[in-house]
């Protein structure tokens, strides 16, 4: 692994690069709202043997945070410009996003970056359903009072309910130790997510021309497989798959979910699905 701090869209962005070879295609991984590159620990294990990988932390998070003096929140449009800069710099062929990273990933795809051939959007849907609305309501209430323990427990009790116990412990420690500007960033992010509708973001998704695979967990109540199928109304070349027995965090939750996620990703990106070797799950910040 090679690490660098790059300038993208006017921000200093910490990146991790895993090189498979000059002839290999390149995948850009886009994490969710509170995540860092560490959330892709299990994903890297099945992609790295086949592809060059690029991971990054947003300017307010993880190892990018110390390199940016942020006087304002980072908007979705900022995120899109960062993604487009990284796509151009590394001539990225494939995108893979998780959770709310799907918003900026799909907005970037709507700009038709010429090198990108395919994308996987996992654990995301165009619908704010009742379960997600309740999650957002509680998140806003706990953030308003900076009740860090409740903030730390909320993710594990909801979208992260099927994660292994050790992962939940790491999540809790991560969420109660965020910097003040990160909590402000999350508040801003929630406000943006609430605006997700055909009138704004989702309407722009109709400009996506490449094949997109939407992956959702069978047990995910927050971004359900049924809701994700509504993307077929917007993205012309939509494909869908459901990871049986999995919740929102898919390949982090169990051996079977890891194997299913691996098989769907390698197949869609055109890599041979070889012997099913399952690595030991190790905790990472999600």
Protein backbone atom coordinates (compact mmCIF):
# COMPACT_ATOMS: atom_id res chain seq x y z
CA UNK A 1 0.00 0.00 0.00
CA UNK A 2 1.17 3.51 -0.88
CA UNK A 3 -0.21 6.57 0.90
CA UNK A 4 -0.20 10.20 -0.23
CA UNK A 5 -1.87 13.49 0.62
CA UNK A 6 -3.11 14.90 -2.68
CA UNK A 7 -4.75 18.16 -3.61
CA UNK A 8 -8.26 17.60 -4.98
CA UNK A 9 -10.90 20.29 -5.52
CA UNK A 10 -8.85 22.65 -3.37
CA UNK A 11 -8.67 20.28 -0.39
CA UNK A 12 -5.85 18.10 0.94
CA UNK A 13 -7.03 14.52 0.62
CA UNK A 14 -5.37 11.52 2.25
CA UNK A 15 -5.32 8.60 -0.20
CA UNK A 16 -4.33 4.95 -0.06
CA UNK A 17 -3.31 3.15 -3.24
CA UNK A 18 -3.01 -0.58 -3.80
CA UNK A 19 -1.39 -1.50 -7.11
CA UNK A 20 -2.05 -4.83 -8.77
CA UNK A 21 -0.29 -4.08 -12.05
CA UNK A 22 -0.15 -1.73 -15.01
CA UNK A 23 -2.61 -3.81 -17.01
CA UNK A 24 -5.17 -3.97 -14.21
CA UNK A 25 -8.28 -1.80 -14.09
CA UNK A 26 -8.53 0.80 -11.32
CA UNK A 27 -11.35 0.98 -8.75
CA UNK A 28 -12.15 4.08 -6.67
CA UNK A 29 -13.82 3.22 -3.34
CA UNK A 30 -16.15 5.84 -1.85
CA UNK A 31 -17.12 5.42 1.80
CA UNK A 32 -20.16 6.58 3.75
CA UNK A 33 -20.90 9.63 5.88
CA UNK A 34 -18.95 8.80 9.05
CA UNK A 35 -16.46 6.40 7.52
CA UNK A 36 -12.75 6.40 6.79
CA UNK A 37 -10.61 4.25 4.51
CA UNK A 38 -10.60 1.68 7.34
CA UNK A 39 -14.20 0.78 6.55
CA UNK A 40 -13.03 -0.93 3.36
CA UNK A 41 -10.69 -3.39 5.07
CA UNK A 42 -12.69 -6.43 4.00
CA UNK A 43 -13.51 -5.09 0.54
CA UNK A 44 -9.84 -4.53 -0.26
CA UNK A 45 -9.13 -8.19 0.47
CA UNK A 46 -11.24 -9.45 -2.42
CA UNK A 47 -10.61 -6.61 -4.88
CA UNK A 48 -6.84 -6.17 -4.49
CA UNK A 49 -5.80 -9.42 -6.22
CA UNK A 50 -7.61 -8.27 -9.38
CA UNK A 51 -7.58 -4.44 -9.48
CA UNK A 52 -5.64 -1.32 -8.63
CA UNK A 53 -7.47 0.38 -5.77
CA UNK A 54 -7.74 4.00 -4.65
CA UNK A 55 -9.25 4.88 -1.26
CA UNK A 56 -9.54 8.29 0.36
CA UNK A 57 -10.73 10.17 3.43
CA UNK A 58 -12.91 13.22 2.93
CA UNK A 59 -11.27 16.51 4.08
CA UNK A 60 -13.04 16.55 7.46
CA UNK A 61 -12.44 12.89 8.34
CA UNK A 62 -9.80 10.31 9.17
CA UNK A 63 -6.25 11.07 8.06
CA UNK A 64 -7.32 13.98 5.85
CA UNK A 65 -8.56 15.96 8.85
CA UNK A 66 -5.13 17.09 10.08
CA UNK A 67 -4.22 18.42 6.64
CA UNK A 68 -7.18 20.79 6.28
CA UNK A 69 -8.06 23.95 8.21
CA UNK A 70 -11.78 23.87 7.52
CA UNK A 71 -13.69 27.07 8.09
CA UNK A 72 -16.86 25.66 6.56
CA UNK A 73 -18.64 22.39 6.02
CA UNK A 74 -17.84 20.28 2.97
CA UNK A 75 -20.86 20.15 0.66
CA UNK A 76 -21.99 17.30 -1.56
CA UNK A 77 -20.81 19.37 -4.55
CA UNK A 78 -17.35 19.56 -2.91
CA UNK A 79 -17.38 15.79 -2.53
CA UNK A 80 -18.33 15.37 -6.18
CA UNK A 81 -15.46 17.60 -7.31
CA UNK A 82 -13.03 15.60 -5.15
CA UNK A 83 -14.25 12.35 -6.69
CA UNK A 84 -14.02 13.73 -10.24
CA UNK A 85 -10.48 14.99 -9.58
CA UNK A 86 -9.41 11.57 -8.28
CA UNK A 87 -11.08 9.84 -11.23
CA UNK A 88 -9.13 12.00 -13.66
CA UNK A 89 -5.84 11.73 -11.77
CA UNK A 90 -5.93 7.91 -11.58
CA UNK A 91 -7.95 7.29 -14.75
CA UNK A 92 -10.41 5.29 -12.69
CA UNK A 93 -12.37 2.56 -14.50
CA UNK A 94 -14.82 1.49 -11.79
CA UNK A 95 -16.50 3.10 -8.78
CA UNK A 96 -17.68 1.26 -5.67
CA UNK A 97 -19.57 3.20 -3.00
CA UNK A 98 -21.23 2.28 0.27
CA UNK A 99 -24.19 3.81 2.09
CA UNK A 100 -24.54 7.60 1.79
CA UNK A 101 -21.37 7.69 -0.28
CA UNK A 102 -23.78 6.68 -3.02
CA UNK A 103 -25.10 10.25 -3.30
CA UNK A 104 -21.77 11.84 -4.27
CA UNK A 105 -20.75 8.76 -6.29
CA UNK A 106 -23.87 8.93 -8.44
CA UNK A 107 -23.67 12.70 -8.83
CA UNK A 108 -20.10 12.24 -10.07
CA UNK A 109 -21.25 9.54 -12.51
CA UNK A 110 -23.89 11.95 -13.81
CA UNK A 111 -21.01 14.14 -15.02
CA UNK A 112 -19.96 11.26 -17.35
CA UNK A 113 -16.25 11.05 -16.49
CA UNK A 114 -14.83 9.40 -19.64
CA UNK A 115 -12.63 6.75 -18.02
CA UNK A 116 -15.39 5.23 -15.84
CA UNK A 117 -16.98 2.10 -17.31
CA UNK A 118 -19.10 0.64 -14.49
CA UNK A 119 -20.12 1.32 -10.90
CA UNK A 120 -21.41 -0.56 -7.86
CA UNK A 121 -23.62 1.40 -5.46
CA UNK A 122 -24.19 -0.57 -2.26
CA UNK A 123 -26.52 -0.03 0.69
CA UNK A 124 -28.22 2.98 -0.83
CA UNK A 125 -31.69 3.81 -2.11
CA UNK A 126 -33.53 6.87 -3.45
CA UNK A 127 -36.13 6.63 -0.70
CA UNK A 128 -36.12 8.06 2.82
CA UNK A 129 -38.35 5.38 4.34
CA UNK A 130 -39.86 5.37 7.82
CA UNK A 131 -36.93 3.51 9.40
CA UNK A 132 -34.38 5.86 7.83
CA UNK A 133 -36.40 8.93 8.79
CA UNK A 134 -36.51 7.76 12.43
CA UNK A 135 -32.74 7.18 12.31
CA UNK A 136 -32.16 10.68 10.94
CA UNK A 137 -34.54 12.25 13.47
CA UNK A 138 -32.71 10.63 16.37
CA UNK A 139 -29.35 11.54 14.90
CA UNK A 140 -30.33 15.19 14.62
CA UNK A 141 -31.70 15.24 18.17
CA UNK A 142 -28.56 13.67 19.69
CA UNK A 143 -26.28 15.92 17.63
CA UNK A 144 -28.19 19.04 18.71
CA UNK A 145 -27.33 18.33 22.36
CA UNK A 146 -23.95 16.72 21.54
CA UNK A 147 -25.00 13.63 23.48
CA UNK A 148 -21.95 11.66 22.41
CA UNK A 149 -22.87 8.38 24.05
CA UNK A 150 -26.22 8.32 22.28
CA UNK A 151 -24.55 9.33 19.04
CA UNK A 152 -22.09 6.47 19.54
CA UNK A 153 -24.83 3.94 20.23
CA UNK A 154 -27.27 5.04 17.53
CA UNK A 155 -25.42 3.57 14.55
CA UNK A 156 -24.81 0.25 16.31
CA UNK A 157 -28.46 -0.02 17.37
CA UNK A 158 -29.82 0.71 13.89
CA UNK A 159 -27.96 0.36 10.57
CA UNK A 160 -25.11 -1.45 12.33
CA UNK A 161 -27.24 -3.89 14.31
CA UNK A 162 -25.85 -6.96 12.49
CA UNK A 163 -22.18 -6.05 12.83
CA UNK A 164 -19.92 -8.28 14.97
CA UNK A 165 -19.51 -7.08 18.56
CA UNK A 166 -15.89 -5.97 18.11
CA UNK A 167 -16.82 -3.81 15.12
CA UNK A 168 -19.52 -2.16 17.21
CA UNK A 169 -16.98 -1.35 19.91
CA UNK A 170 -14.70 0.34 17.38
CA UNK A 171 -17.65 2.25 15.92
CA UNK A 172 -18.66 3.53 19.35
CA UNK A 173 -15.14 4.71 20.18
CA UNK A 174 -14.86 6.40 16.80
CA UNK A 175 -18.19 8.23 17.00
CA UNK A 176 -17.74 9.59 20.53
CA UNK A 177 -14.31 10.99 19.66
CA UNK A 178 -15.18 13.06 16.58
CA UNK A 179 -13.96 16.65 16.44
CA UNK A 180 -16.53 19.44 16.75
CA UNK A 181 -16.35 20.28 13.05
CA UNK A 182 -17.08 16.62 12.25
CA UNK A 183 -20.30 16.76 14.27
CA UNK A 184 -21.23 19.96 12.40
CA UNK A 185 -20.43 18.18 9.16
CA UNK A 186 -22.74 15.30 10.06
CA UNK A 187 -25.55 17.74 10.88
CA UNK A 188 -25.09 19.38 7.50
CA UNK A 189 -24.98 15.99 5.79
CA UNK A 190 -28.25 14.86 7.38
CA UNK A 191 -29.93 18.05 6.18
CA UNK A 192 -28.72 17.32 2.64
CA UNK A 193 -29.83 13.69 2.74
CA UNK A 194 -33.33 14.78 3.74
CA UNK A 195 -33.53 16.67 0.45
CA UNK A 196 -33.02 13.48 -1.54
CA UNK A 197 -35.87 13.40 -4.05
CA UNK A 198 -36.66 13.31 -7.75
CA UNK A 199 -36.81 17.11 -7.62
CA UNK A 200 -33.08 17.50 -7.01
CA UNK A 201 -30.41 14.81 -6.59
CA UNK A 202 -32.35 11.84 -7.92
CA UNK A 203 -33.38 13.70 -11.06
CA UNK A 204 -29.70 14.18 -11.88
CA UNK A 205 -29.09 10.44 -11.60
CA UNK A 206 -31.00 10.06 -14.88
CA UNK A 207 -27.92 11.43 -16.64
CA UNK A 208 -25.90 8.30 -15.77
CA UNK A 209 -25.24 6.27 -18.93
CA UNK A 210 -22.96 3.46 -17.76
CA UNK A 211 -24.06 0.13 -16.18
CA UNK A 212 -24.68 0.44 -12.43
CA UNK A 213 -25.15 -2.47 -10.03
CA UNK A 214 -27.17 -1.71 -6.89
CA UNK A 215 -26.34 -4.06 -4.01
CA UNK A 216 -28.51 -4.18 -0.87
CA UNK A 217 -28.72 -6.45 2.14
CA UNK A 218 -31.81 -8.62 2.52
CA UNK A 219 -32.20 -7.53 6.17
CA UNK A 220 -31.41 -3.84 5.66
CA UNK A 221 -34.49 -1.94 6.84
CA UNK A 222 -32.97 1.47 6.10
CA UNK A 223 -31.95 1.19 2.45
CA UNK A 224 -34.07 -1.74 1.38
CA UNK A 225 -33.62 -3.79 -1.77
CA UNK A 226 -37.19 -2.98 -2.76
CA UNK A 227 -36.60 0.76 -2.42
CA UNK A 228 -33.31 0.54 -4.35
CA UNK A 229 -35.18 -0.92 -7.33
CA UNK A 230 -36.73 2.50 -7.86
CA UNK A 231 -33.38 3.52 -9.34
CA UNK A 232 -34.53 1.63 -12.44
CA UNK A 233 -36.77 4.63 -13.17
CA UNK A 234 -33.73 6.93 -13.33
CA UNK A 235 -30.65 4.94 -14.33
CA UNK A 236 -31.17 3.42 -17.76
CA UNK A 237 -28.66 0.55 -17.36
CA UNK A 238 -29.56 -0.57 -13.82
CA UNK A 239 -28.77 -3.96 -12.34
CA UNK A 240 -29.75 -5.26 -8.89
CA UNK A 241 -28.60 -7.91 -6.48
CA UNK A 242 -29.53 -8.78 -2.90
CA UNK A 243 -27.07 -10.17 -0.34
CA UNK A 244 -29.04 -12.78 1.56
CA UNK A 245 -28.93 -12.62 5.35
CA UNK A 246 -27.07 -9.29 5.35
CA UNK A 247 -27.99 -5.91 6.77
CA UNK A 248 -26.64 -2.48 5.86
CA UNK A 249 -22.91 -3.20 6.16
CA UNK A 250 -22.82 -6.26 3.90
CA UNK A 251 -19.26 -7.66 3.69
CA UNK A 252 -18.41 -6.55 7.26
CA UNK A 253 -21.15 -8.59 8.86
CA UNK A 254 -20.46 -12.26 8.18
CA UNK A 255 -18.54 -14.81 6.15
CA UNK A 256 -21.49 -15.54 3.89
CA UNK A 257 -22.11 -11.83 3.22
CA UNK A 258 -18.40 -11.32 2.45
CA UNK A 259 -18.44 -14.17 -0.06
CA UNK A 260 -21.64 -12.95 -1.72
CA UNK A 261 -20.32 -9.37 -1.91
CA UNK A 262 -17.07 -10.62 -3.39
CA UNK A 263 -18.79 -12.73 -6.00
CA UNK A 264 -21.15 -9.97 -7.16
CA UNK A 265 -18.36 -7.33 -7.32
CA UNK A 266 -15.85 -9.47 -9.19
CA UNK A 267 -18.48 -10.72 -11.60
CA UNK A 268 -19.83 -7.25 -12.39
CA UNK A 269 -16.33 -5.80 -12.82
CA UNK A 270 -15.34 -8.67 -15.10
CA UNK A 271 -12.84 -10.49 -12.89
CA UNK A 272 -12.73 -14.24 -12.56
CA UNK A 273 -14.30 -15.48 -9.32
CA UNK A 274 -11.67 -17.92 -8.11
CA UNK A 275 -11.49 -20.18 -5.06
CA UNK A 276 -13.54 -18.88 -2.17
CA UNK A 277 -10.87 -18.02 0.36
CA UNK A 278 -12.33 -16.17 3.31
CA UNK A 279 -9.99 -13.95 5.40
CA UNK A 280 -10.35 -13.55 9.13
CA UNK A 281 -12.65 -10.58 9.83
CA UNK A 282 -10.82 -7.79 11.61
CA UNK A 283 -12.46 -4.71 13.11
CA UNK A 284 -12.31 -1.37 11.32
CA UNK A 285 -13.98 1.98 11.71
CA UNK A 286 -17.25 2.14 9.80
